[in-house]
């Protein structure tokens, strides 16, 4: 393993035992031997926190020149950003557009024209990339992303509430808006906390919800607003900008004591709800944490995002959005479940029976 990759490994082992990040460690060791990205320039727009360094380690070990965007809309840890030059991570120069691969998050870097293509980390970036003129592999379309967005994001939502002083949860009413991967994860942990839970969505989810979870259709505005005003906390998890725009009785909601929180990248409450009325000024709530998603829950997703870079080396990929290859995911999941922490034994829930 080259010096920069080794420095990252040595640094992170002081914080995370090997069983917390087995797929990234395995990926780095394997790619150090094969050098699949030797000489390629890779621009990586992942949110910059300490565990993100673990993502950069295999890319560096593979021989890539790794860059981060000059400007980013993603939250970041200033201490981690300051350390990047110590590990050989470069910042893109103004006007630079000579990258071979862009590993993007929320389509921040869609303006670039990489020679080989893109890999997008999140669902929110897909609408932008549907018009791309290069191949785009969408990590969010795979099974692995459920580990992060359900176990990881669900756990971190409640960790963030606790950091804000809201740890007494049993019996409190929670409304989860959106029942995709993030919403399911929040419901999973809310049930563990003994909360009274309602889910709001545009599609009828009553048949797939756990028996102790209620349902309200967001298009039934009277029922939706009554549920909001009787909740202790409302959290949005739709992945859609303005998801609740023109659906809320704004004056009543603003005046009420209900906590409002957003777990999506976009402003899901809409412009009529002022920023200050939502926890963390409408930004994704778990980004108030030093580690927004714990390493054991996010590292397999980070390894998948990296693995998508190798798939872009295939010359005949169409210029469209593509899912990650199932065999790539299965190999990474096998490493995670064989060598990872006991918490990853919950994968059977997420990858098969996630409504239980």
Protein backbone atom coordinates (compact mmCIF):
# COMPACT_ATOMS: atom_id res chain seq x y z
CA UNK A 1 0.00 0.00 0.00
CA UNK A 2 1.42 3.43 -0.91
CA UNK A 3 2.42 5.95 1.73
CA UNK A 4 -0.72 8.14 1.63
CA UNK A 5 -3.10 5.17 1.83
CA UNK A 6 -1.05 3.68 4.66
CA UNK A 7 -1.13 6.97 6.57
CA UNK A 8 -4.91 7.00 6.40
CA UNK A 9 -5.08 3.40 7.58
CA UNK A 10 -2.76 4.04 10.52
CA UNK A 11 -4.66 7.18 11.50
CA UNK A 12 -8.13 5.60 11.38
CA UNK A 13 -7.15 2.44 13.25
CA UNK A 14 -6.80 4.66 16.31
CA UNK A 15 -10.55 5.35 16.06
CA UNK A 16 -12.06 2.25 14.44
CA UNK A 17 -11.15 -1.40 15.01
CA UNK A 18 -10.88 -3.47 11.79
CA UNK A 19 -14.33 -5.04 12.29
CA UNK A 20 -15.89 -1.55 11.98
CA UNK A 21 -14.61 -1.10 8.38
CA UNK A 22 -13.72 -4.51 6.89
CA UNK A 23 -14.80 -3.83 3.29
CA UNK A 24 -12.73 -0.66 2.93
CA UNK A 25 -9.68 -2.36 4.44
CA UNK A 26 -10.10 -5.35 2.13
CA UNK A 27 -10.63 -3.09 -0.87
CA UNK A 28 -7.48 -1.11 -0.12
CA UNK A 29 -5.34 -4.24 0.28
CA UNK A 30 -6.68 -5.76 -2.94
CA UNK A 31 -6.34 -2.60 -4.99
CA UNK A 32 -2.83 -1.96 -3.69
CA UNK A 33 -1.88 -5.19 -5.50
CA UNK A 34 -3.85 -4.69 -8.72
CA UNK A 35 -3.56 -0.87 -9.14
CA UNK A 36 -6.82 -0.62 -11.17
CA UNK A 37 -6.92 3.21 -11.11
CA UNK A 38 -3.24 3.90 -11.72
CA UNK A 39 -2.75 7.35 -13.22
CA UNK A 40 -6.45 8.28 -13.23
CA UNK A 41 -7.82 11.49 -11.75
CA UNK A 42 -10.83 10.88 -9.48
CA UNK A 43 -12.98 13.72 -8.12
CA UNK A 44 -14.85 12.63 -4.98
CA UNK A 45 -17.66 14.82 -3.63
CA UNK A 46 -18.64 12.75 -0.57
CA UNK A 47 -19.42 14.70 2.62
CA UNK A 48 -16.10 15.20 4.39
CA UNK A 49 -15.95 13.68 7.85
CA UNK A 50 -13.34 11.54 9.55
CA UNK A 51 -14.76 8.27 8.28
CA UNK A 52 -14.70 9.64 4.71
CA UNK A 53 -10.93 9.30 4.87
CA UNK A 54 -11.50 5.55 4.89
CA UNK A 55 -13.16 5.91 1.47
CA UNK A 56 -10.16 7.73 0.06
CA UNK A 57 -7.73 5.05 1.27
CA UNK A 58 -8.62 2.40 -1.40
CA UNK A 59 -8.69 5.01 -4.17
CA UNK A 60 -5.18 6.13 -3.25
CA UNK A 61 -4.03 2.53 -2.86
CA UNK A 62 -5.39 1.83 -6.36
CA UNK A 63 -3.04 4.47 -7.80
CA UNK A 64 -5.58 7.24 -8.36
CA UNK A 65 -4.97 10.96 -7.94
CA UNK A 66 -7.81 11.90 -5.59
CA UNK A 67 -9.39 15.35 -5.62
CA UNK A 68 -12.23 16.98 -3.72
CA UNK A 69 -14.38 19.83 -5.11
CA UNK A 70 -13.16 23.38 -4.63
CA UNK A 71 -16.59 24.33 -3.34
CA UNK A 72 -19.22 22.01 -1.93
CA UNK A 73 -22.79 22.31 -0.73
CA UNK A 74 -22.33 19.30 1.52
CA UNK A 75 -21.77 19.65 5.27
CA UNK A 76 -18.19 18.95 6.35
CA UNK A 77 -15.97 18.66 9.40
CA UNK A 78 -13.42 21.54 9.22
CA UNK A 79 -10.77 19.50 11.04
CA UNK A 80 -11.01 16.72 8.45
CA UNK A 81 -10.90 19.19 5.57
CA UNK A 82 -7.73 20.73 7.02
CA UNK A 83 -6.07 17.30 7.15
CA UNK A 84 -6.65 16.35 3.50
CA UNK A 85 -3.27 17.60 2.19
CA UNK A 86 -1.52 15.44 4.82
CA UNK A 87 -2.91 12.37 3.05
CA UNK A 88 -2.28 13.51 -0.52
CA UNK A 89 -5.88 14.56 -1.20
CA UNK A 90 -5.96 17.52 -3.56
CA UNK A 91 -8.51 20.29 -4.05
CA UNK A 92 -9.70 20.84 -7.61
CA UNK A 93 -8.38 24.04 -9.13
CA UNK A 94 -10.78 26.69 -10.36
CA UNK A 95 -11.87 25.72 -13.87
CA UNK A 96 -10.20 22.30 -13.73
CA UNK A 97 -12.15 19.70 -15.70
CA UNK A 98 -9.66 16.99 -16.62
CA UNK A 99 -11.01 14.23 -14.40
CA UNK A 100 -11.44 10.66 -15.55
CA UNK A 101 -14.09 9.71 -12.99
CA UNK A 102 -16.45 11.73 -10.78
CA UNK A 103 -17.72 10.06 -7.61
CA UNK A 104 -20.57 12.44 -6.88
CA UNK A 105 -23.06 13.09 -4.11
CA UNK A 106 -26.37 14.89 -4.75
CA UNK A 107 -25.18 15.85 -8.27
CA UNK A 108 -22.85 18.55 -6.94
CA UNK A 109 -20.37 17.85 -9.72
CA UNK A 110 -22.70 17.19 -12.65
CA UNK A 111 -21.20 20.20 -14.43
CA UNK A 112 -17.94 18.30 -14.92
CA UNK A 113 -17.36 16.14 -18.00
CA UNK A 114 -15.27 13.18 -16.83
CA UNK A 115 -13.71 11.01 -19.52
CA UNK A 116 -15.17 7.75 -18.21
CA UNK A 117 -18.30 8.74 -16.30
CA UNK A 118 -19.89 9.27 -12.90
CA UNK A 119 -21.00 7.31 -9.86
CA UNK A 120 -23.76 9.01 -7.87
CA UNK A 121 -24.11 8.24 -4.17
CA UNK A 122 -27.65 9.46 -3.46
CA UNK A 123 -31.18 9.30 -4.83
CA UNK A 124 -31.46 13.11 -4.85
CA UNK A 125 -28.83 13.37 -7.60
CA UNK A 126 -30.58 11.05 -10.03
CA UNK A 127 -32.99 13.56 -11.66
CA UNK A 128 -30.03 15.70 -12.70
CA UNK A 129 -28.08 12.76 -14.07
CA UNK A 130 -30.95 11.40 -16.14
CA UNK A 131 -29.74 13.82 -18.83
CA UNK A 132 -26.05 12.92 -18.54
CA UNK A 133 -23.89 12.37 -21.60
CA UNK A 134 -21.71 9.84 -19.80
CA UNK A 135 -22.49 6.59 -17.94
CA UNK A 136 -23.78 7.13 -14.39
CA UNK A 137 -23.75 4.26 -11.91
CA UNK A 138 -26.15 5.00 -9.06
CA UNK A 139 -25.00 3.46 -5.78
CA UNK A 140 -28.41 4.25 -4.26
CA UNK A 141 -30.04 1.79 -6.69
CA UNK A 142 -28.28 -1.11 -5.00
CA UNK A 143 -29.07 -3.19 -1.93
CA UNK A 144 -26.06 -2.04 0.06
CA UNK A 145 -27.35 1.53 0.40
CA UNK A 146 -30.05 0.19 2.72
CA UNK A 147 -27.38 -0.52 5.33
CA UNK A 148 -26.47 3.17 5.50
CA UNK A 149 -29.88 4.74 4.96
CA UNK A 150 -31.85 2.40 7.21
CA UNK A 151 -29.57 1.26 10.02
CA UNK A 152 -27.13 4.15 9.80
CA UNK A 153 -29.40 7.12 9.14
CA UNK A 154 -32.13 5.81 11.40
CA UNK A 155 -29.69 5.40 14.28
CA UNK A 156 -28.08 8.79 13.70
CA UNK A 157 -31.43 10.63 13.72
CA UNK A 158 -32.01 9.57 17.30
CA UNK A 159 -28.38 10.18 18.23
CA UNK A 160 -28.80 13.77 16.95
CA UNK A 161 -32.03 14.23 18.93
CA UNK A 162 -30.22 13.04 22.05
CA UNK A 163 -27.40 15.51 21.43
CA UNK A 164 -30.03 18.27 21.39
CA UNK A 165 -31.41 17.07 24.71
CA UNK A 166 -34.31 14.97 23.41
CA UNK A 167 -33.62 11.50 24.76
CA UNK A 168 -36.88 10.83 26.63
CA UNK A 169 -38.76 9.25 23.73
CA UNK A 170 -40.98 6.50 25.07
CA UNK A 171 -44.64 7.17 24.37
CA UNK A 172 -43.99 10.34 22.35
CA UNK A 173 -45.76 10.80 19.01
CA UNK A 174 -43.53 10.77 15.91
CA UNK A 175 -44.69 11.48 12.35
CA UNK A 176 -42.31 10.19 9.67
CA UNK A 177 -42.96 11.78 6.27
CA UNK A 178 -41.79 9.38 3.57
CA UNK A 179 -41.43 5.62 3.86
CA UNK A 180 -38.47 4.89 1.63
CA UNK A 181 -35.16 3.58 2.94
CA UNK A 182 -34.55 6.49 5.34
CA UNK A 183 -38.11 6.53 6.62
CA UNK A 184 -38.06 2.79 7.27
CA UNK A 185 -34.85 3.13 9.23
CA UNK A 186 -36.30 5.88 11.41
CA UNK A 187 -39.41 3.78 12.05
CA UNK A 188 -37.21 0.77 12.89
CA UNK A 189 -35.41 2.68 15.66
CA UNK A 190 -38.51 4.62 16.79
CA UNK A 191 -40.21 1.32 17.59
CA UNK A 192 -37.19 0.29 19.66
CA UNK A 193 -37.60 3.55 21.61
CA UNK A 194 -41.26 2.79 22.31
CA UNK A 195 -42.63 5.75 20.36
CA UNK A 196 -46.13 6.13 18.95
CA UNK A 197 -45.52 6.32 15.21
CA UNK A 198 -47.42 7.56 12.18
CA UNK A 199 -46.13 7.47 8.61
CA UNK A 200 -47.19 9.94 5.91
CA UNK A 201 -46.65 9.20 2.23
CA UNK A 202 -48.22 9.84 -1.16
CA UNK A 203 -48.84 6.13 -1.63
CA UNK A 204 -50.87 3.94 0.69
CA UNK A 205 -48.34 2.16 2.92
CA UNK A 206 -50.86 0.72 5.36
CA UNK A 207 -50.34 -2.80 4.00
CA UNK A 208 -46.56 -2.79 4.44
CA UNK A 209 -46.24 -0.93 7.74
CA UNK A 210 -45.69 -2.78 11.02
CA UNK A 211 -49.00 -3.34 12.81
CA UNK A 212 -48.31 -0.76 15.50
CA UNK A 213 -47.58 2.06 13.00
CA UNK A 214 -50.37 4.26 11.65
CA UNK A 215 -50.68 5.83 8.21
CA UNK A 216 -51.86 9.17 6.77
CA UNK A 217 -51.90 10.18 3.12
CA UNK A 218 -50.09 13.48 2.56
CA UNK A 219 -52.71 14.46 -0.01
CA UNK A 220 -55.42 14.36 2.69
CA UNK A 221 -54.48 17.82 3.95
CA UNK A 222 -56.95 17.95 6.83
CA UNK A 223 -55.82 14.59 8.20
CA UNK A 224 -52.15 15.41 7.59
CA UNK A 225 -52.25 18.73 9.44
CA UNK A 226 -54.21 17.26 12.32
CA UNK A 227 -51.52 14.57 12.64
CA UNK A 228 -48.71 17.15 12.45
CA UNK A 229 -50.23 19.33 15.17
CA UNK A 230 -50.74 16.36 17.50
CA UNK A 231 -47.20 15.05 17.01
CA UNK A 232 -44.24 15.62 19.32
CA UNK A 233 -41.89 15.56 16.33
CA UNK A 234 -42.27 15.54 12.53
CA UNK A 235 -39.32 14.31 10.48
CA UNK A 236 -39.16 14.45 6.69
CA UNK A 237 -37.45 11.65 4.77
CA UNK A 238 -38.81 11.88 1.23
CA UNK A 239 -35.65 12.87 -0.64
CA UNK A 240 -37.71 15.48 -2.50
CA UNK A 241 -37.35 19.26 -2.50
CA UNK A 242 -40.49 21.07 -1.26
CA UNK A 243 -42.20 17.78 -0.43
CA UNK A 244 -44.57 19.47 2.05
CA UNK A 245 -44.90 22.78 0.20
CA UNK A 246 -48.53 23.98 0.17
CA UNK A 247 -49.56 20.97 2.28
CA UNK A 248 -49.13 22.46 5.76
CA UNK A 249 -51.20 25.02 7.67
CA UNK A 250 -48.11 27.17 7.98
CA UNK A 251 -49.26 29.58 10.71
CA UNK A 252 -50.55 26.80 12.93
CA UNK A 253 -47.44 24.69 12.46
CA UNK A 254 -45.08 27.58 13.16
CA UNK A 255 -47.00 28.50 16.32
CA UNK A 256 -47.21 24.92 17.60
CA UNK A 257 -44.64 23.26 19.92
CA UNK A 258 -44.04 20.35 17.50
CA UNK A 259 -40.38 19.68 16.70
CA UNK A 260 -39.61 19.77 12.98
CA UNK A 261 -36.63 17.90 11.56
CA UNK A 262 -35.32 17.11 8.09
CA UNK A 263 -33.33 13.98 7.26
CA UNK A 264 -33.09 14.63 3.53
CA UNK A 265 -30.46 16.57 1.60
CA UNK A 266 -33.06 19.00 0.21
CA UNK A 267 -35.41 21.44 2.01
CA UNK A 268 -38.41 19.15 2.24
CA UNK A 269 -40.62 21.48 4.30
CA UNK A 270 -40.73 24.21 1.66
CA UNK A 271 -39.96 27.92 1.72
CA UNK A 272 -43.08 28.91 3.66
CA UNK A 273 -41.67 27.24 6.77
CA UNK A 274 -38.76 29.46 7.92
CA UNK A 275 -35.37 27.86 8.40
CA UNK A 276 -35.20 28.70 12.10
CA UNK A 277 -38.40 26.73 12.77
CA UNK A 278 -36.73 23.47 11.73
CA UNK A 279 -33.95 21.85 13.75
CA UNK A 280 -30.48 22.56 12.29
CA UNK A 281 -31.99 25.28 10.08
CA UNK A 282 -33.51 22.68 7.75
CA UNK A 283 -30.18 20.98 7.08
CA UNK A 284 -29.97 17.22 7.48
CA UNK A 285 -30.25 16.76 11.23
CA UNK A 286 -27.59 14.09 11.71
CA UNK A 287 -24.95 16.43 10.26
CA UNK A 288 -24.82 18.18 13.63
CA UNK A 289 -22.94 15.10 14.84
CA UNK A 290 -19.18 14.65 14.74
CA UNK A 291 -19.86 11.39 12.91
CA UNK A 292 -23.18 11.76 11.03
CA UNK A 293 -23.28 8.04 10.21
CA UNK A 294 -21.27 5.54 12.20
CA UNK A 295 -18.42 3.89 10.33
CA UNK A 296 -19.86 0.38 10.65
CA UNK A 297 -23.06 1.47 8.89
CA UNK A 298 -21.56 3.59 6.11
CA UNK A 299 -18.32 1.85 5.16
CA UNK A 300 -19.90 -0.77 2.87
CA UNK A 301 -21.70 2.01 0.98
CA UNK A 302 -18.42 3.92 0.63
CA UNK A 303 -16.73 0.79 -0.69
CA UNK A 304 -19.56 0.30 -3.20
CA UNK A 305 -19.23 3.90 -4.40
CA UNK A 306 -15.53 3.25 -4.94
CA UNK A 307 -16.23 -0.04 -6.71
CA UNK A 308 -18.47 1.81 -9.16
CA UNK A 309 -15.33 3.63 -10.34
CA UNK A 310 -13.90 0.33 -11.56
CA UNK A 311 -17.13 -0.48 -13.40
CA UNK A 312 -16.71 2.78 -15.33
CA UNK A 313 -13.51 1.37 -16.83
CA UNK A 314 -15.77 -0.77 -19.04
CA UNK A 315 -15.71 0.90 -22.45
CA UNK A 316 -19.20 0.06 -23.75
CA UNK A 317 -21.41 1.33 -20.93
CA UNK A 318 -24.41 3.36 -22.17
CA UNK A 319 -24.76 7.04 -21.27
CA UNK A 320 -27.60 6.56 -18.82
CA UNK A 321 -28.23 5.85 -15.12
CA UNK A 322 -27.26 2.29 -14.22
CA UNK A 323 -27.53 0.20 -11.04
CA UNK A 324 -24.40 -1.25 -9.47
CA UNK A 325 -23.72 -4.82 -10.65
CA UNK A 326 -25.30 -7.37 -8.27
CA UNK A 327 -22.15 -9.50 -8.13
CA UNK A 328 -20.11 -6.50 -6.93
CA UNK A 329 -22.61 -5.85 -4.16
CA UNK A 330 -22.75 -9.49 -3.11
CA UNK A 331 -18.98 -9.66 -2.76
CA UNK A 332 -18.88 -6.54 -0.57
CA UNK A 333 -21.81 -7.74 1.55
CA UNK A 334 -20.08 -11.06 2.09
CA UNK A 335 -17.00 -9.29 3.44
CA UNK A 336 -19.11 -7.02 5.67
CA UNK A 337 -21.18 -9.81 7.19
CA UNK A 338 -18.24 -12.19 7.60
CA UNK A 339 -15.75 -9.76 9.10
CA UNK A 340 -17.91 -6.87 10.33
CA UNK A 341 -19.44 -5.98 13.69
CA UNK A 342 -22.35 -7.84 15.22
CA UNK A 343 -24.65 -4.93 14.36
CA UNK A 344 -24.35 -5.82 10.69
CA UNK A 345 -26.08 -9.13 11.42
CA UNK A 346 -29.27 -7.05 11.01
CA UNK A 347 -28.63 -7.11 7.27
CA UNK A 348 -31.21 -9.85 6.75
CA UNK A 349 -33.86 -7.38 7.97
CA UNK A 350 -32.75 -4.67 5.59
CA UNK A 351 -32.12 -6.74 2.52
CA UNK A 352 -35.17 -8.93 2.71
CA UNK A 353 -37.83 -8.25 5.34
CA UNK A 354 -37.29 -4.61 6.14
CA UNK A 355 -40.86 -3.92 7.17
CA UNK A 356 -40.73 -6.30 10.11
